[in-house]
Protein backbone atom coordinates (compact mmCIF):
# COMPACT_ATOMS: atom_id res chain seq x y z
CA MET A 1 -36.47 9.15 -55.02
CA THR A 2 -38.41 6.55 -57.01
CA ASP A 3 -38.98 2.94 -56.01
CA GLY A 4 -36.04 0.67 -56.56
CA GLU A 5 -33.44 3.41 -56.31
CA LYS A 6 -30.78 3.14 -53.58
CA PRO A 7 -30.58 5.90 -51.00
CA PRO A 8 -27.68 8.26 -51.55
CA GLU A 9 -24.53 7.36 -49.68
CA PRO A 10 -23.44 9.81 -46.98
CA SER A 11 -20.68 12.17 -47.94
CA LEU A 12 -17.21 12.01 -46.43
CA ALA A 13 -18.03 15.02 -44.26
CA GLU A 14 -21.11 13.29 -42.84
CA GLN A 15 -19.14 10.10 -42.20
CA ALA A 16 -16.39 12.04 -40.41
CA LYS A 17 -19.01 13.85 -38.32
CA ARG A 18 -20.61 10.55 -37.28
CA SER A 19 -17.22 9.08 -36.48
CA ARG A 20 -16.34 12.05 -34.29
CA GLY A 21 -19.69 11.76 -32.55
CA MET A 22 -19.16 8.07 -31.77
CA HIS A 23 -15.60 8.80 -30.62
CA ARG A 24 -16.84 11.48 -28.22
CA PHE A 25 -19.59 9.21 -26.95
CA ARG A 26 -17.05 6.45 -26.23
CA ASN A 27 -14.70 8.85 -24.45
CA TYR A 28 -17.50 10.27 -22.32
CA PHE A 29 -18.71 6.78 -21.45
CA LEU A 30 -15.23 5.55 -20.47
CA THR A 31 -14.61 8.70 -18.42
CA GLY A 32 -17.88 8.21 -16.58
CA LEU A 33 -17.09 4.54 -16.05
CA VAL A 34 -13.68 5.36 -14.53
CA ILE A 35 -15.39 7.71 -12.07
CA ALA A 36 -18.52 5.68 -11.30
CA ALA A 37 -17.13 2.14 -11.09
CA PRO A 38 -14.64 2.67 -8.22
CA LEU A 39 -17.18 4.81 -6.35
CA PHE A 40 -19.94 2.24 -6.75
CA LEU A 41 -17.69 -0.68 -5.77
CA THR A 42 -16.39 1.18 -2.71
CA VAL A 43 -19.90 2.00 -1.51
CA TYR A 44 -21.13 -1.51 -2.27
CA ILE A 45 -18.27 -3.28 -0.46
CA THR A 46 -18.54 -0.93 2.54
CA TRP A 47 -22.30 -1.39 2.74
CA ALA A 48 -22.01 -5.18 2.37
CA PHE A 49 -19.45 -5.28 5.19
CA ILE A 50 -21.67 -3.22 7.51
CA VAL A 51 -24.71 -5.37 6.75
CA TRP A 52 -22.67 -8.54 7.31
CA ILE A 53 -21.46 -7.37 10.73
CA ASP A 54 -24.97 -6.23 11.67
CA SER A 55 -26.43 -9.61 10.75
CA TRP A 56 -24.04 -11.28 13.20
CA VAL A 57 -24.19 -8.81 16.11
CA THR A 58 -27.76 -7.46 16.08
CA PRO A 59 -29.45 -10.76 17.15
CA PHE A 60 -27.40 -10.69 20.39
CA ILE A 61 -28.40 -7.13 21.30
CA PRO A 62 -31.37 -7.00 23.73
CA ALA A 63 -34.45 -5.36 22.24
CA ALA A 64 -34.47 -2.72 24.99
CA TYR A 65 -31.07 -1.42 23.83
CA SER A 66 -31.67 -1.66 20.09
CA PRO A 67 -32.75 1.54 18.28
CA ASP A 68 -34.74 -0.57 15.83
CA THR A 69 -37.27 -1.12 18.62
CA TYR A 70 -38.07 2.58 18.93
CA LEU A 71 -37.61 3.74 15.36
CA PRO A 72 -39.78 2.86 12.34
CA PHE A 73 -36.67 1.98 10.34
CA LYS A 74 -33.47 0.02 10.89
CA VAL A 75 -30.29 1.83 11.82
CA PRO A 76 -27.45 0.46 9.68
CA GLY A 77 -24.08 0.20 11.36
CA PHE A 78 -25.35 -0.07 14.94
CA GLY A 79 -24.16 -3.67 15.16
CA LEU A 80 -20.73 -2.60 13.87
CA VAL A 81 -20.46 0.08 16.57
CA VAL A 82 -21.46 -2.43 19.25
CA ALA A 83 -18.89 -4.92 17.94
CA ILE A 84 -16.11 -2.29 18.06
CA LEU A 85 -17.06 -1.29 21.62
CA PHE A 86 -17.24 -4.93 22.71
CA ILE A 87 -13.82 -5.78 21.28
CA THR A 88 -12.32 -2.67 22.89
CA LEU A 89 -13.90 -3.56 26.24
CA LEU A 90 -12.60 -7.12 25.92
CA GLY A 91 -9.08 -5.82 25.34
CA PHE A 92 -9.41 -3.51 28.37
CA LEU A 93 -10.55 -6.34 30.63
CA THR A 94 -7.79 -8.63 29.38
CA ALA A 95 -5.17 -6.08 30.42
CA ASN A 96 -5.88 -6.59 34.14
CA LEU A 97 -5.38 -9.61 36.38
CA ILE A 98 -9.02 -10.68 36.50
CA GLY A 99 -9.33 -10.56 32.72
CA ARG A 100 -6.12 -12.51 32.16
CA THR A 101 -7.30 -15.13 34.64
CA ALA A 102 -10.63 -15.50 32.85
CA ILE A 103 -8.92 -15.74 29.45
CA SER A 104 -6.47 -18.35 30.77
CA TRP A 105 -9.36 -20.39 32.17
CA GLY A 106 -11.20 -20.20 28.84
CA GLU A 107 -8.08 -21.22 26.89
CA SER A 108 -7.49 -24.16 29.21
CA LEU A 109 -11.08 -25.24 28.58
CA LEU A 110 -10.57 -25.02 24.80
CA GLY A 111 -7.28 -26.91 25.20
CA ARG A 112 -9.22 -30.00 26.27
CA MET A 113 -11.20 -30.12 23.02
CA PRO A 114 -9.36 -32.24 20.43
CA VAL A 115 -10.31 -30.40 17.21
CA VAL A 116 -11.20 -26.95 18.51
CA ARG A 117 -7.90 -26.45 20.33
CA ASN A 118 -5.84 -26.84 17.14
CA LEU A 119 -8.09 -24.42 15.27
CA TYR A 120 -8.02 -21.87 18.10
CA ARG A 121 -4.26 -22.02 18.61
CA GLY A 122 -3.59 -21.68 14.89
CA LEU A 123 -5.92 -18.70 14.47
CA LYS A 124 -4.59 -17.02 17.60
CA GLN A 125 -1.01 -17.37 16.43
CA ILE A 126 -1.89 -15.90 13.02
CA PHE A 127 -3.68 -12.89 14.53
CA GLU A 128 -0.92 -12.28 17.07
CA THR A 129 1.69 -12.30 14.30
CA VAL A 130 -0.25 -10.09 11.91
CA LEU A 131 -1.58 -7.56 14.43
CA SER A 132 1.43 -7.32 16.71
CA ASN A 133 3.14 -3.94 16.61
CA ARG A 134 6.50 -5.69 16.69
CA ALA A 135 5.76 -7.85 13.68
CA LYS A 136 7.39 -6.85 10.40
CA SER A 137 5.54 -9.39 8.30
CA PHE A 138 4.36 -8.39 4.85
CA GLN A 139 6.15 -5.05 5.04
CA THR A 140 8.55 -5.84 2.19
CA VAL A 141 7.86 -6.52 -1.49
CA GLY A 142 10.19 -8.56 -3.64
CA LEU A 143 10.65 -10.27 -6.99
CA ILE A 144 11.46 -13.92 -7.57
CA GLU A 145 11.85 -15.98 -10.73
CA TYR A 146 8.63 -17.98 -10.85
CA PRO A 147 7.41 -20.36 -12.20
CA ARG A 148 10.68 -20.75 -14.14
CA LYS A 149 13.86 -18.91 -14.94
CA GLY A 150 13.22 -15.75 -16.94
CA LEU A 151 9.70 -15.19 -15.57
CA TRP A 152 9.34 -12.89 -12.58
CA ALA A 153 6.57 -12.61 -10.01
CA ILE A 154 5.85 -10.20 -7.16
CA VAL A 155 5.92 -11.66 -3.65
CA PHE A 156 5.29 -10.33 -0.16
CA VAL A 157 8.06 -11.28 2.25
CA ALA A 158 6.50 -12.74 5.40
CA THR A 159 9.48 -13.60 7.59
CA GLY A 160 12.59 -15.69 7.80
CA THR A 161 11.81 -19.39 7.50
CA ARG A 162 11.78 -20.96 10.96
CA GLY A 163 10.98 -24.31 12.51
CA GLU A 164 11.57 -27.64 10.84
CA VAL A 165 11.24 -26.22 7.32
CA GLY A 166 13.95 -23.65 7.96
CA HIS A 167 16.19 -26.20 9.65
CA ARG A 168 15.99 -28.72 6.84
CA LEU A 169 16.39 -26.17 4.04
CA ASP A 170 19.20 -24.21 5.69
CA ARG A 171 21.80 -26.91 5.10
CA GLU A 172 24.11 -24.76 3.01
CA GLY A 173 24.15 -21.86 5.46
CA GLU A 174 22.01 -19.62 3.23
CA ARG A 175 19.09 -17.91 4.90
CA MET A 176 15.63 -18.94 3.73
CA LEU A 177 12.63 -16.62 3.47
CA SER A 178 8.93 -17.40 3.64
CA VAL A 179 7.17 -15.41 0.92
CA PHE A 180 3.58 -15.13 -0.22
CA LEU A 181 2.97 -15.06 -3.97
CA PRO A 182 -0.43 -13.41 -4.67
CA THR A 183 -2.62 -14.23 -7.64
CA THR A 184 -4.29 -11.82 -10.07
CA PRO A 185 -6.82 -10.23 -9.67
CA ASN A 186 -7.43 -11.54 -6.13
CA PRO A 187 -4.31 -10.90 -4.03
CA THR A 188 -5.81 -12.61 -0.97
CA SER A 189 -5.24 -16.00 -2.58
CA GLY A 190 -1.86 -17.31 -3.62
CA PHE A 191 0.99 -19.63 -2.73
CA LEU A 192 3.36 -19.94 0.20
CA LEU A 193 6.93 -20.37 -1.08
CA PHE A 194 10.25 -20.90 0.69
CA VAL A 195 13.10 -19.30 -1.25
CA ARG A 196 16.69 -18.37 -0.54
CA GLU A 197 17.26 -14.78 0.46
CA ALA A 198 19.82 -14.35 -2.33
CA ASP A 199 17.14 -15.24 -4.89
CA VAL A 200 14.78 -12.46 -3.76
CA THR A 201 15.16 -8.99 -5.27
CA ILE A 202 13.78 -6.49 -2.78
CA LEU A 203 11.72 -3.62 -4.23
CA ASP A 204 11.21 -0.09 -2.93
CA MET A 205 7.45 -0.06 -3.52
CA THR A 206 5.06 -0.45 -0.60
CA VAL A 207 2.74 -3.40 -0.04
CA GLU A 208 -0.25 -1.23 -1.05
CA GLU A 209 1.40 -0.26 -4.33
CA ALA A 210 2.29 -3.88 -5.06
CA ALA A 211 -1.29 -4.96 -4.31
CA LYS A 212 -2.61 -2.38 -6.80
CA LEU A 213 -0.16 -3.67 -9.38
CA VAL A 214 -1.34 -7.25 -8.86
CA ILE A 215 -5.05 -6.41 -8.80
CA SER A 216 -4.84 -4.35 -12.00
CA ALA A 217 -2.84 -7.06 -13.78
CA GLY A 218 0.03 -4.64 -14.32
CA LEU A 219 -2.07 -1.71 -15.57
CA VAL A 220 -1.54 0.42 -12.45
CA SER A 221 2.18 0.77 -11.80
CA PRO A 222 3.55 3.03 -9.04
CA ASP A 223 5.77 5.95 -9.99
CA TYR A 224 9.47 5.29 -9.67
CA GLN A 225 12.44 7.62 -9.97
CA VAL A 226 15.99 6.32 -10.17
CA ASP A 227 18.64 8.40 -8.46
CA GLU A 228 22.39 8.16 -9.09
CA GLU A 229 23.05 5.77 -6.20
CA GLN A 230 20.30 3.42 -7.34
CA ALA A 231 21.48 3.63 -10.96
CA GLU A 232 24.96 2.50 -9.95
CA SER A 233 23.62 -0.50 -8.05
CA ALA A 234 20.86 -1.36 -10.55
CA GLY A 235 20.47 -5.05 -11.12
CA GLU A 236 22.14 -6.02 -7.85
CA PRO A 237 19.86 -8.02 -5.50
CA VAL A 238 19.20 -6.42 -2.12
CA THR A 239 19.00 -8.56 1.00
CA ILE A 240 16.38 -8.24 3.71
CA GLY A 241 18.98 -6.82 6.06
CA GLU A 242 20.00 -4.15 3.56
CA ALA A 243 16.35 -3.29 2.91
CA GLY A 244 15.77 -2.94 6.65
CA ARG A 245 18.84 -0.70 6.93
CA ARG A 246 17.58 1.53 4.12
CA ILE A 247 14.10 1.74 5.61
CA GLY A 248 15.57 2.61 9.02
CA ALA A 249 17.80 5.26 7.47
CA ASP A 250 14.90 6.80 5.61
CA ALA A 251 12.81 6.85 8.79
CA THR A 252 15.68 8.56 10.64
CA LEU A 253 16.09 11.21 7.95
CA ASN A 254 12.37 11.92 7.78
CA ARG A 255 11.97 12.10 11.56
CA PRO A 256 11.04 15.68 12.64
């Protein structure tokens, strides 16, 4: 090739070969990303949680009982184990008379503090509601028209609306529900809404499946099969009572 001449253009076969090579490279990269990204994020979040707990608990552990004193390296997770044992021991002591007396004395002391008592009572009520075995909060997923008619959003049904809000909204005799509307991609943030039970369409999916749907912005949708009974009643809203009846029936049928 002399100076000034253009290099020969690649043939169609060479162009197709390069295109196939780039296509394979992209597929391999995306496949590796699908495998590596969830694994990396899981390990990172787990490790960050362990380190965060250790940073809070380890300073309160006496040096004589800490393995870091005797080993040339730090033992990750030791603070987490100590925290779990301490919380379990606290629950054990609270179950007897002496523990209940001590807890009552501590709560009465906090009750005399103007700001702290409101914070403590509010947090205690939240944890008792969420962690109680009898609580059925956030066990049901539903759909509501939000933010306007024709647009639908997933909500987690918390409970029936009680207190002053429920009293003032229940003027027409229709039951009100307290629902939590999560945001995408962070389902831990959202809005508390009070809606009429008739306006909530109860879904069969679990809370975990709904959370995946919200986090993935609709990309990960749980499998769903429609049987004949569901096909006949498709489009009809299901009340909380009916959903509870179905869940109870399913639990009875699946009981060994």
